[in-house]
Amino acid sequence: MADVRIEALDGDRYLVQIPDDDGPVTILVRASPAAIALLAPDGTPAARVVEAGVEYLVARQRADDLPPQLDTEDVAAAYEGFEGELRQRLHGDDTRPA
């Protein structure tokens, strides 16, 4: 997704800014080490996993309709197929951890 800015904050939190017609949409995303390990067991950087998760969400709804805070684990639980599509966005396949 072009021009999405992700800033790592303390711990497992990321500040995400998504361009929008009315100005950037800012979202605080929590991505726990456990969620990152589940979604990207190959060592993909957490910021890239967060970016792919935001891309997934914005493909389904407007950025300004997203809540101001998100937890990657909650998104995975709420959307059937999130894990597989996220892996496709990251790697072009739907591999699952062994």
N, C-alpha and C. Protein backbone atom coordinates (compact mmCIF):
# COMPACT_ATOMS: atom_id res chain seq x y z
N MET A 1 0.86 -1.17 0.00
CA MET A 1 0.00 0.00 0.00
C MET A 1 0.90 1.23 0.00
N ALA A 2 0.72 2.07 -0.96
CA ALA A 2 1.59 3.23 -1.13
C ALA A 2 1.41 4.25 -0.02
N ASP A 3 2.53 4.77 0.43
CA ASP A 3 2.56 5.89 1.36
C ASP A 3 2.04 5.62 2.77
N VAL A 4 1.78 4.36 3.14
CA VAL A 4 1.42 4.07 4.52
C VAL A 4 2.68 4.21 5.35
N ARG A 5 2.56 4.94 6.43
CA ARG A 5 3.72 5.14 7.31
C ARG A 5 3.50 4.34 8.58
N ILE A 6 4.53 3.62 8.99
CA ILE A 6 4.47 2.83 10.21
C ILE A 6 5.65 3.21 11.07
N GLU A 7 5.34 3.56 12.30
CA GLU A 7 6.37 3.93 13.26
C GLU A 7 6.29 2.98 14.45
N ALA A 8 7.39 2.30 14.72
CA ALA A 8 7.44 1.42 15.89
C ALA A 8 7.50 2.27 17.14
N LEU A 9 6.62 1.98 18.07
CA LEU A 9 6.62 2.65 19.36
C LEU A 9 7.23 1.69 20.38
N ASP A 10 7.03 1.94 21.63
CA ASP A 10 7.57 1.04 22.66
C ASP A 10 6.85 -0.31 22.63
N GLY A 11 7.61 -1.34 22.89
CA GLY A 11 7.05 -2.68 22.99
C GLY A 11 6.47 -3.18 21.68
N ASP A 12 5.19 -3.55 21.72
CA ASP A 12 4.55 -4.17 20.57
C ASP A 12 3.51 -3.26 19.92
N ARG A 13 3.71 -1.95 20.02
CA ARG A 13 2.75 -0.99 19.47
C ARG A 13 3.35 -0.25 18.27
N TYR A 14 2.48 0.03 17.30
CA TYR A 14 2.89 0.69 16.06
C TYR A 14 1.90 1.79 15.74
N LEU A 15 2.41 2.94 15.38
CA LEU A 15 1.59 4.04 14.94
C LEU A 15 1.52 3.98 13.42
N VAL A 16 0.32 3.84 12.89
CA VAL A 16 0.12 3.69 11.45
C VAL A 16 -0.62 4.91 10.93
N GLN A 17 -0.10 5.49 9.87
CA GLN A 17 -0.77 6.61 9.20
C GLN A 17 -1.10 6.18 7.78
N ILE A 18 -2.39 6.26 7.46
CA ILE A 18 -2.89 5.83 6.16
C ILE A 18 -3.38 7.07 5.42
N PRO A 19 -2.88 7.31 4.20
CA PRO A 19 -3.37 8.46 3.43
C PRO A 19 -4.86 8.35 3.16
N ASP A 20 -5.56 9.46 3.22
CA ASP A 20 -6.99 9.50 2.96
C ASP A 20 -7.31 10.85 2.32
N ASP A 21 -8.40 10.93 1.61
CA ASP A 21 -8.78 12.16 0.93
C ASP A 21 -8.90 13.35 1.88
N ASP A 22 -9.35 13.10 3.10
CA ASP A 22 -9.55 14.17 4.08
C ASP A 22 -8.35 14.35 5.01
N GLY A 23 -7.24 13.77 4.68
CA GLY A 23 -6.05 13.82 5.53
C GLY A 23 -5.73 12.44 6.06
N PRO A 24 -4.53 12.25 6.58
CA PRO A 24 -4.13 10.91 7.03
C PRO A 24 -4.98 10.40 8.19
N VAL A 25 -5.24 9.10 8.15
CA VAL A 25 -5.92 8.41 9.24
C VAL A 25 -4.84 7.77 10.10
N THR A 26 -4.89 8.03 11.39
CA THR A 26 -3.88 7.50 12.32
C THR A 26 -4.51 6.42 13.18
N ILE A 27 -3.85 5.29 13.23
CA ILE A 27 -4.32 4.14 14.01
C ILE A 27 -3.17 3.60 14.84
N LEU A 28 -3.45 3.27 16.07
CA LEU A 28 -2.48 2.61 16.94
C LEU A 28 -2.74 1.10 16.86
N VAL A 29 -1.74 0.35 16.40
CA VAL A 29 -1.89 -1.09 16.22
C VAL A 29 -0.99 -1.81 17.22
N ARG A 30 -1.57 -2.77 17.92
CA ARG A 30 -0.80 -3.63 18.81
C ARG A 30 -0.59 -4.96 18.10
N ALA A 31 0.66 -5.40 18.06
CA ALA A 31 1.02 -6.67 17.44
C ALA A 31 1.94 -7.41 18.40
N SER A 32 1.36 -8.27 19.20
CA SER A 32 2.14 -8.98 20.22
C SER A 32 3.15 -9.91 19.55
N PRO A 33 4.23 -10.22 20.25
CA PRO A 33 5.19 -11.19 19.70
C PRO A 33 4.53 -12.53 19.36
N ALA A 34 3.54 -12.95 20.15
CA ALA A 34 2.85 -14.21 19.86
C ALA A 34 2.07 -14.12 18.56
N ALA A 35 1.41 -13.00 18.31
CA ALA A 35 0.67 -12.82 17.06
C ALA A 35 1.62 -12.79 15.87
N ILE A 36 2.72 -12.09 16.01
CA ILE A 36 3.71 -12.03 14.92
C ILE A 36 4.27 -13.42 14.64
N ALA A 37 4.57 -14.17 15.67
CA ALA A 37 5.10 -15.53 15.50
C ALA A 37 4.10 -16.44 14.80
N LEU A 38 2.81 -16.26 15.10
CA LEU A 38 1.78 -17.07 14.47
C LEU A 38 1.59 -16.68 13.01
N LEU A 39 1.54 -15.39 12.74
CA LEU A 39 1.24 -14.90 11.40
C LEU A 39 2.45 -14.93 10.47
N ALA A 40 3.63 -14.80 11.04
CA ALA A 40 4.85 -14.77 10.22
C ALA A 40 5.96 -15.54 10.93
N PRO A 41 5.83 -16.87 10.97
CA PRO A 41 6.82 -17.67 11.69
C PRO A 41 8.20 -17.68 11.05
N ASP A 42 8.32 -17.10 9.86
CA ASP A 42 9.59 -17.10 9.15
C ASP A 42 10.49 -15.93 9.53
N GLY A 43 10.05 -15.10 10.48
CA GLY A 43 10.89 -13.99 10.90
C GLY A 43 10.64 -12.69 10.16
N THR A 44 9.55 -12.61 9.42
CA THR A 44 9.20 -11.34 8.76
C THR A 44 9.12 -10.26 9.83
N PRO A 45 9.68 -9.08 9.57
CA PRO A 45 9.64 -8.01 10.57
C PRO A 45 8.21 -7.66 10.96
N ALA A 46 8.02 -7.38 12.23
CA ALA A 46 6.69 -7.08 12.76
C ALA A 46 6.05 -5.90 12.04
N ALA A 47 6.82 -4.90 11.70
CA ALA A 47 6.25 -3.73 11.00
C ALA A 47 5.66 -4.13 9.65
N ARG A 48 6.28 -5.08 8.97
CA ARG A 48 5.74 -5.54 7.68
C ARG A 48 4.45 -6.32 7.90
N VAL A 49 4.37 -7.10 8.98
CA VAL A 49 3.14 -7.84 9.30
C VAL A 49 2.02 -6.84 9.60
N VAL A 50 2.33 -5.80 10.35
CA VAL A 50 1.34 -4.76 10.65
C VAL A 50 0.88 -4.10 9.35
N GLU A 51 1.80 -3.78 8.47
CA GLU A 51 1.45 -3.16 7.20
C GLU A 51 0.52 -4.06 6.39
N ALA A 52 0.84 -5.34 6.30
CA ALA A 52 0.00 -6.28 5.55
C ALA A 52 -1.38 -6.40 6.18
N GLY A 53 -1.44 -6.36 7.50
CA GLY A 53 -2.73 -6.40 8.19
C GLY A 53 -3.58 -5.18 7.89
N VAL A 54 -2.94 -4.02 7.85
CA VAL A 54 -3.66 -2.78 7.52
C VAL A 54 -4.12 -2.83 6.06
N GLU A 55 -3.28 -3.32 5.17
CA GLU A 55 -3.67 -3.47 3.76
C GLU A 55 -4.91 -4.35 3.65
N TYR A 56 -4.93 -5.44 4.39
CA TYR A 56 -6.07 -6.36 4.41
C TYR A 56 -7.33 -5.62 4.82
N LEU A 57 -7.24 -4.86 5.90
CA LEU A 57 -8.42 -4.15 6.41
C LEU A 57 -8.91 -3.07 5.44
N VAL A 58 -7.97 -2.30 4.90
CA VAL A 58 -8.34 -1.20 4.01
C VAL A 58 -8.92 -1.74 2.70
N ALA A 59 -8.60 -2.95 2.33
CA ALA A 59 -9.20 -3.57 1.15
C ALA A 59 -10.67 -3.89 1.40
N ARG A 60 -11.10 -3.90 2.66
CA ARG A 60 -12.46 -4.27 3.02
C ARG A 60 -13.31 -3.11 3.52
N GLN A 61 -12.65 -2.05 3.95
CA GLN A 61 -13.40 -0.89 4.43
C GLN A 61 -12.53 0.36 4.34
N ARG A 62 -13.18 1.49 4.41
CA ARG A 62 -12.46 2.76 4.31
C ARG A 62 -11.55 2.94 5.52
N ALA A 63 -10.41 3.55 5.30
CA ALA A 63 -9.46 3.79 6.39
C ALA A 63 -10.09 4.60 7.52
N ASP A 64 -10.91 5.59 7.17
CA ASP A 64 -11.50 6.43 8.21
C ASP A 64 -12.64 5.74 8.95
N ASP A 65 -13.02 4.53 8.52
CA ASP A 65 -14.01 3.73 9.25
C ASP A 65 -13.35 2.77 10.24
N LEU A 66 -12.03 2.66 10.19
CA LEU A 66 -11.32 1.77 11.12
C LEU A 66 -11.28 2.41 12.51
N PRO A 67 -11.28 1.58 13.56
CA PRO A 67 -11.18 2.15 14.91
C PRO A 67 -9.79 2.76 15.13
N PRO A 68 -9.67 3.68 16.07
CA PRO A 68 -8.38 4.34 16.31
C PRO A 68 -7.33 3.41 16.91
N GLN A 69 -7.77 2.29 17.48
CA GLN A 69 -6.84 1.31 18.03
C GLN A 69 -7.25 -0.08 17.57
N LEU A 70 -6.26 -0.87 17.18
CA LEU A 70 -6.49 -2.24 16.74
C LEU A 70 -5.49 -3.16 17.40
N ASP A 71 -5.91 -4.40 17.61
CA ASP A 71 -5.02 -5.44 18.09
C ASP A 71 -4.99 -6.52 17.01
N THR A 72 -3.81 -6.89 16.56
CA THR A 72 -3.67 -7.87 15.49
C THR A 72 -4.36 -9.18 15.84
N GLU A 73 -4.29 -9.60 17.09
CA GLU A 73 -4.94 -10.84 17.50
C GLU A 73 -6.45 -10.74 17.36
N ASP A 74 -7.02 -9.57 17.69
CA ASP A 74 -8.47 -9.38 17.55
C ASP A 74 -8.89 -9.41 16.09
N VAL A 75 -8.09 -8.80 15.22
CA VAL A 75 -8.38 -8.81 13.79
C VAL A 75 -8.37 -10.25 13.27
N ALA A 76 -7.36 -11.01 13.67
CA ALA A 76 -7.26 -12.41 13.24
C ALA A 76 -8.47 -13.21 13.70
N ALA A 77 -8.96 -12.94 14.90
CA ALA A 77 -10.12 -13.65 15.43
C ALA A 77 -11.42 -13.21 14.75
N ALA A 78 -11.49 -11.97 14.32
CA ALA A 78 -12.73 -11.42 13.77
C ALA A 78 -12.94 -11.76 12.29
N TYR A 79 -11.85 -11.97 11.56
CA TYR A 79 -11.95 -12.17 10.11
C TYR A 79 -11.51 -13.57 9.73
N GLU A 80 -12.45 -14.37 9.29
CA GLU A 80 -12.12 -15.71 8.81
C GLU A 80 -11.25 -15.55 7.56
N GLY A 81 -10.17 -16.26 7.50
CA GLY A 81 -9.29 -16.20 6.36
C GLY A 81 -8.19 -15.15 6.47
N PHE A 82 -8.18 -14.39 7.56
CA PHE A 82 -7.18 -13.34 7.73
C PHE A 82 -5.76 -13.90 7.69
N GLU A 83 -5.52 -14.96 8.44
CA GLU A 83 -4.16 -15.52 8.51
C GLU A 83 -3.66 -15.94 7.14
N GLY A 84 -4.47 -16.67 6.40
CA GLY A 84 -4.06 -17.13 5.08
C GLY A 84 -3.82 -15.99 4.11
N GLU A 85 -4.73 -15.01 4.10
CA GLU A 85 -4.54 -13.89 3.18
C GLU A 85 -3.35 -13.03 3.59
N LEU A 86 -3.12 -12.90 4.89
CA LEU A 86 -1.97 -12.13 5.34
C LEU A 86 -0.68 -12.80 4.85
N ARG A 87 -0.62 -14.11 4.96
CA ARG A 87 0.57 -14.83 4.47
C ARG A 87 0.74 -14.66 2.97
N GLN A 88 -0.39 -14.64 2.25
CA GLN A 88 -0.31 -14.40 0.80
C GLN A 88 0.25 -13.01 0.53
N ARG A 89 -0.20 -12.03 1.27
CA ARG A 89 0.30 -10.66 1.09
C ARG A 89 1.80 -10.58 1.40
N LEU A 90 2.23 -11.35 2.38
CA LEU A 90 3.64 -11.32 2.77
C LEU A 90 4.53 -12.13 1.85
N HIS A 91 4.03 -13.27 1.38
CA HIS A 91 4.91 -14.21 0.69
C HIS A 91 4.37 -14.76 -0.62
N GLY A 92 3.16 -14.43 -0.97
CA GLY A 92 2.59 -14.94 -2.20
C GLY A 92 2.15 -16.39 -2.11
N ASP A 93 2.01 -16.91 -0.87
CA ASP A 93 1.49 -18.27 -0.72
C ASP A 93 0.66 -18.34 0.55
N ASP A 94 0.08 -19.47 0.79
CA ASP A 94 -0.78 -19.67 1.96
C ASP A 94 -0.23 -20.80 2.81
N THR A 95 1.04 -20.74 3.11
CA THR A 95 1.65 -21.79 3.93
C THR A 95 1.28 -21.59 5.38
N ARG A 96 1.15 -22.65 6.06
CA ARG A 96 0.84 -22.63 7.49
C ARG A 96 2.05 -23.16 8.25
N PRO A 97 2.26 -22.67 9.48
CA PRO A 97 3.39 -23.20 10.24
C PRO A 97 3.22 -24.68 10.52
N ALA A 98 4.31 -25.40 10.54
CA ALA A 98 4.28 -26.86 10.77
C ALA A 98 3.95 -27.17 12.20
